[in-house]
N, C-alpha and C. Protein backbone atom coordinates (compact mmCIF):
# COMPACT_ATOMS: atom_id res chain seq x y z
N MET A 1 16.01 9.07 50.62
CA MET A 1 17.14 9.98 50.46
C MET A 1 16.75 11.36 50.99
N ASN A 2 17.72 12.01 51.62
CA ASN A 2 17.50 13.35 52.16
C ASN A 2 17.17 14.32 51.03
N PRO A 3 16.14 15.19 51.17
CA PRO A 3 15.78 16.13 50.08
C PRO A 3 16.91 17.08 49.71
N VAL A 4 17.70 17.52 50.69
CA VAL A 4 18.81 18.44 50.40
C VAL A 4 19.87 17.72 49.59
N LEU A 5 20.18 16.50 49.96
CA LEU A 5 21.17 15.71 49.23
C LEU A 5 20.69 15.38 47.82
N ARG A 6 19.38 15.12 47.70
CA ARG A 6 18.81 14.81 46.39
C ARG A 6 18.95 16.00 45.43
N LYS A 7 18.70 17.23 45.93
CA LYS A 7 18.84 18.43 45.10
C LYS A 7 20.28 18.61 44.63
N GLN A 8 21.25 18.36 45.53
CA GLN A 8 22.66 18.51 45.15
C GLN A 8 23.06 17.51 44.08
N VAL A 9 22.57 16.28 44.17
CA VAL A 9 22.89 15.25 43.17
C VAL A 9 22.30 15.63 41.81
N LEU A 10 21.06 16.13 41.80
CA LEU A 10 20.42 16.53 40.54
C LEU A 10 21.15 17.71 39.91
N ARG A 11 21.61 18.65 40.73
CA ARG A 11 22.31 19.82 40.21
C ARG A 11 23.64 19.42 39.57
N GLN A 12 24.37 18.50 40.23
CA GLN A 12 25.65 18.05 39.66
C GLN A 12 25.43 17.27 38.38
N ALA A 13 24.33 16.52 38.29
CA ALA A 13 24.04 15.73 37.08
C ALA A 13 23.72 16.65 35.90
N THR A 14 22.97 17.71 36.16
CA THR A 14 22.65 18.64 35.06
C THR A 14 23.89 19.38 34.59
N LEU A 15 24.77 19.79 35.51
CA LEU A 15 26.02 20.45 35.12
C LEU A 15 26.89 19.53 34.29
N LEU A 16 26.95 18.26 34.67
CA LEU A 16 27.76 17.29 33.93
C LEU A 16 27.23 17.10 32.51
N CYS A 17 25.90 17.09 32.35
CA CYS A 17 25.30 16.95 31.01
C CYS A 17 25.61 18.15 30.14
N ARG A 18 25.57 19.36 30.71
CA ARG A 18 25.87 20.57 29.94
C ARG A 18 27.32 20.58 29.45
N VAL A 19 28.23 20.17 30.31
CA VAL A 19 29.65 20.14 29.94
C VAL A 19 29.88 19.14 28.83
N GLN A 20 29.22 17.98 28.87
CA GLN A 20 29.40 16.96 27.85
C GLN A 20 28.88 17.43 26.49
N THR A 21 27.72 18.12 26.46
CA THR A 21 27.16 18.59 25.18
C THR A 21 28.00 19.70 24.58
N CYS A 22 28.69 20.51 25.40
CA CYS A 22 29.51 21.59 24.87
C CYS A 22 30.85 21.09 24.35
N THR A 23 31.42 20.05 25.00
CA THR A 23 32.75 19.59 24.61
C THR A 23 32.69 18.59 23.48
N HIS A 24 31.66 17.75 23.44
CA HIS A 24 31.58 16.73 22.42
C HIS A 24 30.98 17.28 21.14
N GLN A 25 31.23 16.60 20.02
CA GLN A 25 30.70 17.02 18.73
C GLN A 25 29.22 16.72 18.66
N LEU A 26 28.45 17.64 18.02
CA LEU A 26 27.01 17.46 17.88
C LEU A 26 26.73 16.42 16.81
N PRO A 27 25.53 15.84 16.76
CA PRO A 27 25.21 14.82 15.76
C PRO A 27 25.22 15.39 14.35
N VAL A 28 25.38 14.51 13.37
CA VAL A 28 25.48 14.90 11.97
C VAL A 28 24.08 15.08 11.41
N TRP A 29 23.85 16.24 10.74
CA TRP A 29 22.56 16.54 10.10
C TRP A 29 22.81 16.73 8.61
N GLY A 30 22.22 15.88 7.78
CA GLY A 30 22.35 15.99 6.33
C GLY A 30 23.76 15.76 5.84
N GLY A 31 24.54 14.97 6.54
CA GLY A 31 25.89 14.66 6.10
C GLY A 31 26.93 15.68 6.50
N VAL A 32 26.54 16.74 7.26
CA VAL A 32 27.47 17.78 7.69
C VAL A 32 27.51 17.76 9.21
N ALA A 33 28.68 17.68 9.76
CA ALA A 33 28.83 17.64 11.22
C ALA A 33 28.71 19.03 11.78
N CYS A 34 27.81 19.21 12.75
CA CYS A 34 27.60 20.50 13.39
C CYS A 34 28.41 20.54 14.67
N THR A 35 29.29 21.50 14.79
CA THR A 35 30.10 21.65 15.98
C THR A 35 29.84 23.02 16.59
N GLN A 36 30.40 23.22 17.77
CA GLN A 36 30.25 24.50 18.45
C GLN A 36 31.22 25.54 17.94
N GLU A 37 32.16 25.17 17.06
CA GLU A 37 33.12 26.15 16.55
C GLU A 37 32.45 27.05 15.51
N ARG A 38 32.98 28.27 15.38
CA ARG A 38 32.45 29.22 14.42
C ARG A 38 33.06 28.96 13.06
N GLN A 39 32.23 28.41 12.15
CA GLN A 39 32.73 28.03 10.83
C GLN A 39 32.84 29.24 9.90
N TYR A 40 32.10 30.34 10.18
CA TYR A 40 32.05 31.47 9.26
C TYR A 40 33.17 32.48 9.51
N LYS A 41 34.03 32.26 10.48
CA LYS A 41 35.04 33.27 10.82
C LYS A 41 36.02 33.49 9.69
N GLY A 42 36.44 32.45 9.01
CA GLY A 42 37.43 32.59 7.96
C GLY A 42 36.82 32.73 6.58
N ALA A 43 35.46 32.82 6.47
CA ALA A 43 34.81 32.90 5.16
C ALA A 43 34.97 34.28 4.56
N SER A 44 34.94 34.35 3.23
CA SER A 44 35.08 35.62 2.52
C SER A 44 33.77 36.40 2.59
N THR A 45 33.90 37.73 2.73
CA THR A 45 32.72 38.60 2.79
C THR A 45 32.46 39.30 1.46
N GLU A 46 33.11 38.91 0.41
CA GLU A 46 32.94 39.56 -0.89
C GLU A 46 31.56 39.22 -1.46
N GLY A 47 30.83 40.26 -1.92
CA GLY A 47 29.52 40.07 -2.52
C GLY A 47 28.36 40.20 -1.55
N ILE A 48 28.64 40.39 -0.25
CA ILE A 48 27.57 40.54 0.72
C ILE A 48 26.91 41.90 0.53
N GLY A 49 25.60 41.93 0.44
CA GLY A 49 24.86 43.18 0.28
C GLY A 49 24.53 43.52 -1.16
N ARG A 50 25.01 42.74 -2.11
CA ARG A 50 24.67 42.99 -3.50
C ARG A 50 23.28 42.46 -3.80
N TRP A 51 22.51 43.23 -4.58
CA TRP A 51 21.14 42.85 -4.88
C TRP A 51 20.76 43.03 -6.34
N LYS A 52 21.60 43.71 -7.14
CA LYS A 52 21.22 43.99 -8.52
C LYS A 52 21.14 42.72 -9.37
N HIS A 53 21.88 41.69 -8.99
CA HIS A 53 21.81 40.44 -9.76
C HIS A 53 20.49 39.72 -9.56
N LEU A 54 19.71 40.12 -8.54
CA LEU A 54 18.42 39.50 -8.29
C LEU A 54 17.32 40.06 -9.19
N LEU A 55 17.55 41.26 -9.78
CA LEU A 55 16.55 41.88 -10.64
C LEU A 55 16.53 41.23 -12.00
N PRO A 56 15.38 41.25 -12.69
CA PRO A 56 15.34 40.72 -14.07
C PRO A 56 16.23 41.54 -14.98
N LYS A 57 16.66 40.94 -16.07
CA LYS A 57 17.57 41.61 -16.99
C LYS A 57 16.90 42.77 -17.72
N GLU A 58 15.56 42.70 -17.92
CA GLU A 58 14.88 43.77 -18.63
C GLU A 58 14.92 45.07 -17.83
N VAL A 59 14.83 44.96 -16.48
CA VAL A 59 14.82 46.16 -15.65
C VAL A 59 16.19 46.82 -15.64
N GLN A 60 17.27 46.02 -15.67
CA GLN A 60 18.61 46.58 -15.62
C GLN A 60 18.91 47.40 -16.87
N GLY A 61 18.51 46.90 -18.04
CA GLY A 61 18.84 47.58 -19.27
C GLY A 61 17.77 48.53 -19.77
N LYS A 62 16.79 48.88 -18.93
CA LYS A 62 15.69 49.75 -19.34
C LYS A 62 16.17 51.19 -19.46
N LYS A 63 15.89 51.81 -20.57
CA LYS A 63 16.29 53.18 -20.81
C LYS A 63 15.06 54.03 -21.12
N TYR A 64 15.21 55.33 -20.90
CA TYR A 64 14.11 56.25 -21.17
C TYR A 64 13.95 56.43 -22.68
N VAL A 65 12.74 56.22 -23.15
CA VAL A 65 12.42 56.37 -24.57
C VAL A 65 11.53 57.59 -24.73
N LYS A 66 11.94 58.51 -25.58
CA LYS A 66 11.18 59.73 -25.80
C LYS A 66 9.88 59.40 -26.52
N HIS A 67 8.78 59.98 -26.00
CA HIS A 67 7.47 59.73 -26.59
C HIS A 67 7.35 60.45 -27.92
N GLN A 68 6.89 59.73 -28.93
CA GLN A 68 6.74 60.30 -30.26
C GLN A 68 5.30 60.23 -30.68
N MET A 69 4.92 61.17 -31.57
CA MET A 69 3.55 61.24 -32.06
C MET A 69 3.26 60.08 -33.00
N GLN A 70 2.11 59.43 -32.79
CA GLN A 70 1.71 58.34 -33.66
C GLN A 70 1.05 58.89 -34.92
N SER A 71 1.04 58.08 -35.96
CA SER A 71 0.43 58.51 -37.23
C SER A 71 -1.08 58.62 -37.08
N ILE A 72 -1.65 59.65 -37.69
CA ILE A 72 -3.10 59.90 -37.62
C ILE A 72 -3.79 59.06 -38.68
N THR A 73 -4.76 58.24 -38.24
CA THR A 73 -5.50 57.39 -39.16
C THR A 73 -6.50 58.22 -39.95
N ALA A 74 -6.51 58.07 -41.26
CA ALA A 74 -7.44 58.82 -42.11
C ALA A 74 -8.82 58.17 -42.09
N ALA A 75 -9.85 59.00 -42.27
CA ALA A 75 -11.23 58.51 -42.28
C ALA A 75 -11.54 57.84 -43.62
N THR A 76 -12.40 56.82 -43.56
CA THR A 76 -12.85 56.12 -44.76
C THR A 76 -14.36 56.28 -44.90
N SER A 77 -14.93 55.61 -45.89
CA SER A 77 -16.38 55.73 -46.13
C SER A 77 -17.20 55.01 -45.07
N THR A 78 -16.62 54.05 -44.37
CA THR A 78 -17.37 53.27 -43.38
C THR A 78 -16.87 53.47 -41.95
N ALA A 79 -15.77 54.19 -41.75
CA ALA A 79 -15.21 54.36 -40.40
C ALA A 79 -14.60 55.75 -40.26
N TYR A 80 -14.60 56.23 -39.04
CA TYR A 80 -13.95 57.50 -38.73
C TYR A 80 -12.45 57.29 -38.59
N GLY A 81 -11.71 58.39 -38.62
CA GLY A 81 -10.27 58.32 -38.40
C GLY A 81 -9.95 58.30 -36.91
N THR A 82 -8.87 58.94 -36.54
CA THR A 82 -8.47 59.02 -35.13
C THR A 82 -9.32 60.08 -34.43
N LEU A 83 -10.07 59.66 -33.41
CA LEU A 83 -10.96 60.55 -32.67
C LEU A 83 -10.49 60.69 -31.23
N ASN A 84 -10.70 61.88 -30.68
CA ASN A 84 -10.39 62.16 -29.27
C ASN A 84 -11.68 62.40 -28.51
N ILE A 85 -11.91 61.61 -27.48
CA ILE A 85 -13.04 61.84 -26.56
C ILE A 85 -12.49 62.58 -25.36
N ASN A 86 -12.83 63.86 -25.24
CA ASN A 86 -12.33 64.71 -24.15
C ASN A 86 -13.33 64.75 -23.02
N VAL A 87 -12.87 64.46 -21.82
CA VAL A 87 -13.70 64.51 -20.60
C VAL A 87 -13.06 65.53 -19.68
N SER A 88 -13.84 66.53 -19.25
CA SER A 88 -13.31 67.58 -18.37
C SER A 88 -14.31 67.87 -17.27
N GLY A 89 -13.79 68.32 -16.12
CA GLY A 89 -14.63 68.65 -14.98
C GLY A 89 -13.78 69.15 -13.83
N TYR A 90 -14.45 69.63 -12.79
CA TYR A 90 -13.75 70.18 -11.63
C TYR A 90 -13.44 69.12 -10.58
N ASP A 91 -14.17 68.02 -10.57
CA ASP A 91 -13.93 66.94 -9.60
C ASP A 91 -13.06 65.88 -10.27
N MET A 92 -11.83 65.72 -9.77
CA MET A 92 -10.89 64.79 -10.40
C MET A 92 -11.37 63.35 -10.31
N THR A 93 -11.97 62.96 -9.18
CA THR A 93 -12.42 61.58 -9.01
C THR A 93 -13.52 61.23 -10.01
N THR A 94 -14.48 62.13 -10.19
CA THR A 94 -15.57 61.87 -11.13
C THR A 94 -15.05 61.79 -12.56
N VAL A 95 -14.15 62.70 -12.92
CA VAL A 95 -13.59 62.70 -14.28
C VAL A 95 -12.79 61.42 -14.53
N GLU A 96 -12.02 61.00 -13.56
CA GLU A 96 -11.20 59.80 -13.71
C GLU A 96 -12.06 58.56 -13.85
N HIS A 97 -13.10 58.44 -13.02
CA HIS A 97 -13.98 57.26 -13.07
C HIS A 97 -14.77 57.22 -14.38
N TYR A 98 -15.21 58.39 -14.85
CA TYR A 98 -15.98 58.40 -16.10
C TYR A 98 -15.08 58.06 -17.30
N SER A 99 -13.84 58.50 -17.28
CA SER A 99 -12.91 58.14 -18.36
C SER A 99 -12.61 56.64 -18.34
N GLN A 100 -12.52 56.06 -17.15
CA GLN A 100 -12.34 54.61 -17.05
C GLN A 100 -13.57 53.86 -17.57
N TYR A 101 -14.75 54.43 -17.31
CA TYR A 101 -15.99 53.82 -17.81
C TYR A 101 -16.01 53.83 -19.34
N ILE A 102 -15.59 54.95 -19.95
CA ILE A 102 -15.55 55.03 -21.42
C ILE A 102 -14.55 54.03 -21.98
N HIS A 103 -13.41 53.92 -21.34
CA HIS A 103 -12.38 52.98 -21.80
C HIS A 103 -12.90 51.55 -21.76
N ASN A 104 -13.51 51.17 -20.65
CA ASN A 104 -14.03 49.80 -20.52
C ASN A 104 -15.17 49.55 -21.49
N LEU A 105 -16.02 50.56 -21.73
CA LEU A 105 -17.12 50.41 -22.67
C LEU A 105 -16.61 50.17 -24.09
N CYS A 106 -15.57 50.89 -24.48
CA CYS A 106 -14.99 50.71 -25.81
C CYS A 106 -14.40 49.32 -25.96
N ILE A 107 -13.79 48.80 -24.91
CA ILE A 107 -13.22 47.45 -24.98
C ILE A 107 -14.34 46.41 -25.12
N ARG A 108 -15.44 46.61 -24.39
CA ARG A 108 -16.55 45.66 -24.49
C ARG A 108 -17.23 45.70 -25.85
N LEU A 109 -17.30 46.87 -26.46
CA LEU A 109 -17.93 47.00 -27.77
C LEU A 109 -16.99 46.64 -28.92
N GLY A 110 -15.75 46.33 -28.61
CA GLY A 110 -14.80 45.95 -29.63
C GLY A 110 -14.19 47.13 -30.37
N ILE A 111 -14.20 48.32 -29.76
CA ILE A 111 -13.62 49.51 -30.37
C ILE A 111 -12.17 49.62 -29.91
N SER A 112 -11.27 49.80 -30.85
CA SER A 112 -9.83 49.85 -30.52
C SER A 112 -9.49 51.21 -29.92
N VAL A 113 -8.86 51.18 -28.73
CA VAL A 113 -8.43 52.39 -28.03
C VAL A 113 -6.93 52.54 -28.26
N ALA A 114 -6.54 53.62 -28.95
CA ALA A 114 -5.13 53.85 -29.25
C ALA A 114 -4.37 54.30 -28.00
N GLU A 115 -4.93 55.30 -27.28
CA GLU A 115 -4.27 55.84 -26.09
C GLU A 115 -5.31 56.37 -25.13
N SER A 116 -4.91 56.45 -23.88
CA SER A 116 -5.74 57.05 -22.84
C SER A 116 -4.80 57.81 -21.91
N TYR A 117 -4.94 59.13 -21.86
CA TYR A 117 -3.98 59.94 -21.11
C TYR A 117 -4.67 61.14 -20.49
N ALA A 118 -3.92 61.84 -19.63
CA ALA A 118 -4.43 63.02 -18.93
C ALA A 118 -3.72 64.26 -19.46
N LEU A 119 -4.46 65.35 -19.56
CA LEU A 119 -3.90 66.63 -19.96
C LEU A 119 -3.53 67.43 -18.71
N PRO A 120 -2.63 68.41 -18.84
CA PRO A 120 -2.26 69.22 -17.67
C PRO A 120 -3.46 69.93 -17.05
N THR A 121 -3.48 69.96 -15.74
CA THR A 121 -4.58 70.59 -15.01
C THR A 121 -4.49 72.11 -15.15
N GLN A 122 -5.64 72.73 -15.43
CA GLN A 122 -5.70 74.18 -15.59
C GLN A 122 -6.36 74.80 -14.36
N SER A 123 -5.77 75.88 -13.85
CA SER A 123 -6.29 76.58 -12.67
C SER A 123 -6.88 77.91 -13.08
N THR A 124 -8.07 78.22 -12.55
CA THR A 124 -8.77 79.48 -12.84
C THR A 124 -9.07 80.18 -11.53
N GLU A 125 -8.62 81.42 -11.41
CA GLU A 125 -8.87 82.21 -10.20
C GLU A 125 -10.15 83.01 -10.35
N VAL A 126 -11.01 82.90 -9.35
CA VAL A 126 -12.27 83.66 -9.33
C VAL A 126 -12.04 84.89 -8.47
N MET A 127 -12.12 86.07 -9.12
CA MET A 127 -11.87 87.34 -8.43
C MET A 127 -13.19 88.00 -8.07
N LEU A 128 -13.23 88.61 -6.89
CA LEU A 128 -14.40 89.35 -6.42
C LEU A 128 -13.99 90.77 -6.04
N MET A 129 -14.92 91.70 -6.24
CA MET A 129 -14.66 93.09 -5.90
C MET A 129 -15.37 93.43 -4.60
N GLN A 130 -14.72 94.24 -3.81
CA GLN A 130 -15.31 94.66 -2.54
C GLN A 130 -16.58 95.49 -2.78
N GLU A 131 -17.44 95.49 -1.79
CA GLU A 131 -18.73 96.19 -1.95
C GLU A 131 -18.53 97.70 -2.07
N HIS A 132 -17.66 98.27 -1.26
CA HIS A 132 -17.37 99.71 -1.33
C HIS A 132 -15.89 99.88 -1.63
N GLY A 133 -15.55 99.72 -2.89
CA GLY A 133 -14.16 99.87 -3.28
C GLY A 133 -13.93 99.28 -4.67
N THR A 134 -12.70 99.41 -5.11
CA THR A 134 -12.34 98.93 -6.44
C THR A 134 -11.28 97.82 -6.39
N LYS A 135 -10.92 97.39 -5.21
CA LYS A 135 -9.87 96.40 -5.06
C LYS A 135 -10.44 94.99 -5.26
N LEU A 136 -9.73 94.17 -6.05
CA LEU A 136 -10.14 92.79 -6.29
C LEU A 136 -9.34 91.84 -5.40
N TYR A 137 -9.98 90.80 -4.98
CA TYR A 137 -9.30 89.76 -4.20
C TYR A 137 -9.75 88.39 -4.69
N VAL A 138 -8.89 87.40 -4.48
CA VAL A 138 -9.16 86.05 -4.95
C VAL A 138 -10.15 85.37 -4.01
N ASP A 139 -11.29 84.96 -4.58
CA ASP A 139 -12.30 84.29 -3.77
C ASP A 139 -12.07 82.77 -3.73
N SER A 140 -11.76 82.20 -4.88
CA SER A 140 -11.52 80.75 -4.95
C SER A 140 -10.72 80.42 -6.20
N ILE A 141 -10.16 79.22 -6.22
CA ILE A 141 -9.38 78.74 -7.35
C ILE A 141 -10.03 77.45 -7.85
N LEU A 142 -10.44 77.47 -9.12
CA LEU A 142 -11.08 76.31 -9.73
C LEU A 142 -10.05 75.56 -10.57
N LYS A 143 -9.94 74.27 -10.35
CA LYS A 143 -9.01 73.43 -11.10
C LYS A 143 -9.79 72.54 -12.05
N THR A 144 -9.47 72.63 -13.34
CA THR A 144 -10.14 71.84 -14.37
C THR A 144 -9.26 70.66 -14.74
N HIS A 145 -9.80 69.46 -14.54
CA HIS A 145 -9.08 68.23 -14.85
C HIS A 145 -9.60 67.67 -16.17
N LYS A 146 -8.66 67.21 -17.01
CA LYS A 146 -9.02 66.73 -18.35
C LYS A 146 -8.42 65.35 -18.58
N ARG A 147 -9.23 64.50 -19.21
CA ARG A 147 -8.78 63.16 -19.63
C ARG A 147 -9.17 62.96 -21.09
N VAL A 148 -8.32 62.25 -21.82
CA VAL A 148 -8.55 62.02 -23.25
C VAL A 148 -8.47 60.52 -23.52
N ILE A 149 -9.49 60.00 -24.22
CA ILE A 149 -9.48 58.62 -24.70
C ILE A 149 -9.44 58.69 -26.22
N GLN A 150 -8.37 58.18 -26.80
CA GLN A 150 -8.15 58.28 -28.25
C GLN A 150 -8.56 56.98 -28.92
N LEU A 151 -9.50 57.09 -29.88
CA LEU A 151 -10.01 55.94 -30.61
C LEU A 151 -9.48 55.96 -32.03
N SER A 152 -9.32 54.78 -32.59
CA SER A 152 -8.86 54.68 -33.98
C SER A 152 -9.79 53.76 -34.75
N SER A 153 -10.18 54.20 -35.94
CA SER A 153 -11.02 53.42 -36.86
C SER A 153 -12.35 53.04 -36.21
N LEU A 154 -13.07 54.04 -35.70
CA LEU A 154 -14.40 53.79 -35.13
C LEU A 154 -15.41 53.64 -36.27
N LYS A 155 -16.16 52.54 -36.25
CA LYS A 155 -17.13 52.27 -37.31
C LYS A 155 -18.29 53.28 -37.23
N ALA A 156 -18.79 53.69 -38.38
CA ALA A 156 -19.89 54.67 -38.43
C ALA A 156 -21.18 54.09 -37.87
N SER A 157 -21.37 52.78 -37.99
CA SER A 157 -22.59 52.16 -37.45
C SER A 157 -22.55 52.04 -35.93
N MET A 158 -21.35 52.00 -35.35
CA MET A 158 -21.21 51.85 -33.90
C MET A 158 -21.20 53.19 -33.17
N CYS A 159 -20.90 54.26 -33.86
CA CYS A 159 -20.76 55.57 -33.22
C CYS A 159 -22.06 56.06 -32.57
N PRO A 160 -23.25 56.01 -33.24
CA PRO A 160 -24.48 56.49 -32.57
C PRO A 160 -24.83 55.70 -31.31
N ILE A 161 -24.58 54.39 -31.33
CA ILE A 161 -24.90 53.56 -30.16
C ILE A 161 -24.01 53.95 -28.99
N MET A 162 -22.71 54.09 -29.26
CA MET A 162 -21.78 54.44 -28.19
C MET A 162 -22.07 55.82 -27.62
N MET A 163 -22.34 56.81 -28.49
CA MET A 163 -22.61 58.17 -28.01
C MET A 163 -23.90 58.23 -27.20
N ASP A 164 -24.91 57.44 -27.58
CA ASP A 164 -26.16 57.40 -26.82
C ASP A 164 -25.93 56.88 -25.42
N VAL A 165 -25.10 55.83 -25.30
CA VAL A 165 -24.80 55.25 -23.97
C VAL A 165 -23.99 56.24 -23.14
N LEU A 166 -23.03 56.92 -23.76
CA LEU A 166 -22.17 57.85 -23.02
C LEU A 166 -22.97 59.06 -22.52
N LEU A 167 -23.85 59.59 -23.32
CA LEU A 167 -24.62 60.77 -22.92
C LEU A 167 -25.65 60.43 -21.84
N LYS A 168 -26.19 59.23 -21.87
CA LYS A 168 -27.16 58.83 -20.84
C LYS A 168 -26.49 58.62 -19.48
N ASN A 169 -25.21 58.24 -19.49
CA ASN A 169 -24.48 57.99 -18.24
C ASN A 169 -23.52 59.12 -17.88
N LEU A 170 -23.70 60.28 -18.50
CA LEU A 170 -22.81 61.41 -18.23
C LEU A 170 -23.06 61.95 -16.83
N PRO A 171 -22.04 62.02 -15.96
CA PRO A 171 -22.25 62.55 -14.59
C PRO A 171 -22.49 64.06 -14.61
N GLU A 172 -23.03 64.54 -13.51
CA GLU A 172 -23.29 65.97 -13.38
C GLU A 172 -21.98 66.72 -13.17
N GLY A 173 -21.81 67.82 -13.90
CA GLY A 173 -20.60 68.63 -13.78
C GLY A 173 -19.45 68.17 -14.66
N VAL A 174 -19.69 67.19 -15.53
CA VAL A 174 -18.66 66.69 -16.43
C VAL A 174 -19.05 67.03 -17.86
N GLN A 175 -18.09 67.55 -18.63
CA GLN A 175 -18.32 67.92 -20.03
C GLN A 175 -17.67 66.87 -20.94
N LEU A 176 -18.38 66.53 -22.01
CA LEU A 176 -17.92 65.51 -22.96
C LEU A 176 -17.90 66.09 -24.36
N THR A 177 -16.76 66.02 -25.04
CA THR A 177 -16.63 66.47 -26.42
C THR A 177 -15.88 65.41 -27.23
N VAL A 178 -16.28 65.28 -28.50
CA VAL A 178 -15.64 64.34 -29.42
C VAL A 178 -15.23 65.11 -30.66
N ARG A 179 -13.96 65.00 -31.04
CA ARG A 179 -13.46 65.68 -32.23
C ARG A 179 -12.28 64.90 -32.81
N GLU A 180 -11.92 65.27 -34.03
CA GLU A 180 -10.81 64.60 -34.71
C GLU A 180 -9.48 65.00 -34.08
N HIS A 181 -8.56 64.04 -34.10
CA HIS A 181 -7.24 64.27 -33.52
C HIS A 181 -6.36 65.04 -34.50
N THR A 182 -5.66 66.06 -33.98
CA THR A 182 -4.75 66.86 -34.79
C THR A 182 -3.39 66.94 -34.10
N GLU A 183 -2.44 67.54 -34.77
CA GLU A 183 -1.10 67.70 -34.19
C GLU A 183 -1.12 68.66 -33.01
N ALA A 184 -2.02 69.67 -33.05
CA ALA A 184 -2.14 70.61 -31.93
C ALA A 184 -2.62 69.91 -30.67
N ASP A 185 -3.47 68.89 -30.81
CA ASP A 185 -3.91 68.12 -29.65
C ASP A 185 -2.75 67.34 -29.03
N TYR A 186 -1.85 66.87 -29.85
CA TYR A 186 -0.68 66.16 -29.32
C TYR A 186 0.24 67.11 -28.55
N GLN A 187 0.44 68.33 -29.08
CA GLN A 187 1.30 69.30 -28.41
C GLN A 187 0.68 69.80 -27.11
N ALA A 188 -0.65 69.76 -26.99
CA ALA A 188 -1.32 70.21 -25.77
C ALA A 188 -1.08 69.27 -24.59
N ARG A 189 -0.55 68.09 -24.85
CA ARG A 189 -0.27 67.15 -23.77
C ARG A 189 0.89 67.61 -22.90
N PHE A 190 1.74 68.47 -23.40
CA PHE A 190 2.94 68.87 -22.69
C PHE A 190 2.82 70.32 -22.22
N LYS A 191 3.34 70.58 -21.04
CA LYS A 191 3.32 71.93 -20.48
C LYS A 191 4.33 72.81 -21.20
N SER A 192 3.91 74.04 -21.48
CA SER A 192 4.80 74.98 -22.16
C SER A 192 5.82 75.55 -21.18
N ARG A 193 7.05 75.78 -21.65
CA ARG A 193 8.13 76.36 -20.85
C ARG A 193 8.67 77.57 -21.59
N PRO A 194 8.13 78.76 -21.31
CA PRO A 194 8.57 79.96 -22.05
C PRO A 194 10.04 80.28 -21.86
N ASP A 195 10.57 80.06 -20.63
CA ASP A 195 11.98 80.37 -20.40
C ASP A 195 12.89 79.48 -21.25
N LEU A 196 12.53 78.20 -21.40
CA LEU A 196 13.32 77.30 -22.22
C LEU A 196 13.21 77.67 -23.70
N ASP A 197 12.02 78.08 -24.12
CA ASP A 197 11.85 78.49 -25.52
C ASP A 197 12.69 79.73 -25.84
N CYS A 198 12.78 80.67 -24.90
CA CYS A 198 13.60 81.88 -25.11
C CYS A 198 15.08 81.51 -25.24
N LEU A 199 15.56 80.59 -24.39
CA LEU A 199 16.95 80.18 -24.46
C LEU A 199 17.26 79.46 -25.78
N LEU A 200 16.33 78.63 -26.23
CA LEU A 200 16.54 77.93 -27.49
C LEU A 200 16.55 78.90 -28.66
N ALA A 201 15.71 79.96 -28.59
CA ALA A 201 15.69 80.96 -29.66
C ALA A 201 17.00 81.74 -29.68
N GLN A 202 17.58 82.02 -28.51
CA GLN A 202 18.85 82.73 -28.46
C GLN A 202 20.00 81.89 -29.00
N ILE A 203 19.95 80.57 -28.74
CA ILE A 203 21.01 79.69 -29.24
C ILE A 203 20.96 79.59 -30.76
N ARG A 204 19.76 79.53 -31.31
CA ARG A 204 19.63 79.38 -32.76
C ARG A 204 20.04 80.63 -33.53
N GLN A 205 20.00 81.80 -32.89
CA GLN A 205 20.36 83.06 -33.59
C GLN A 205 21.84 83.16 -33.86
């Protein structure tokens, strides 16, 4: 057969196959006949784009709960009451890692941790005086980061062991203090707002 004639025959055969597949119905898949017609044209678009029904029910009904002060545990003859382990330093990463170390150590020793939280960061300006003059200028700003691990019902026999481990692993530049929890310590967790306090005092008068 002539090569030119052969190409023309193959081209007509391929065109004929394409026309047949477009005009005839496609095979049935899973009991539903697939055709070339657009089945979604007459479908309803109501509910498209909604996503809240996909969330769990707890997240939808979650409301803000105001934090309240917990009751202070009283000390007994064999155990301490509510204690605060205060960790402070200028390097936030070191302070955070050391507070995590204390928290994990208490869990391993079986000491109950009531709370673990951060106090507001305090900034201190370092002022320097000029060599020939009386004018002061800010040389640097030091930020003190504080973390608190609150323990409840710490046994008296376990306290020396825990303090010995904590002092031996105390990083450089980090201060560690342990004292009883009071109501003033709870109020120190929140930043003071003098303007709001003045407005509240005016309303009460």
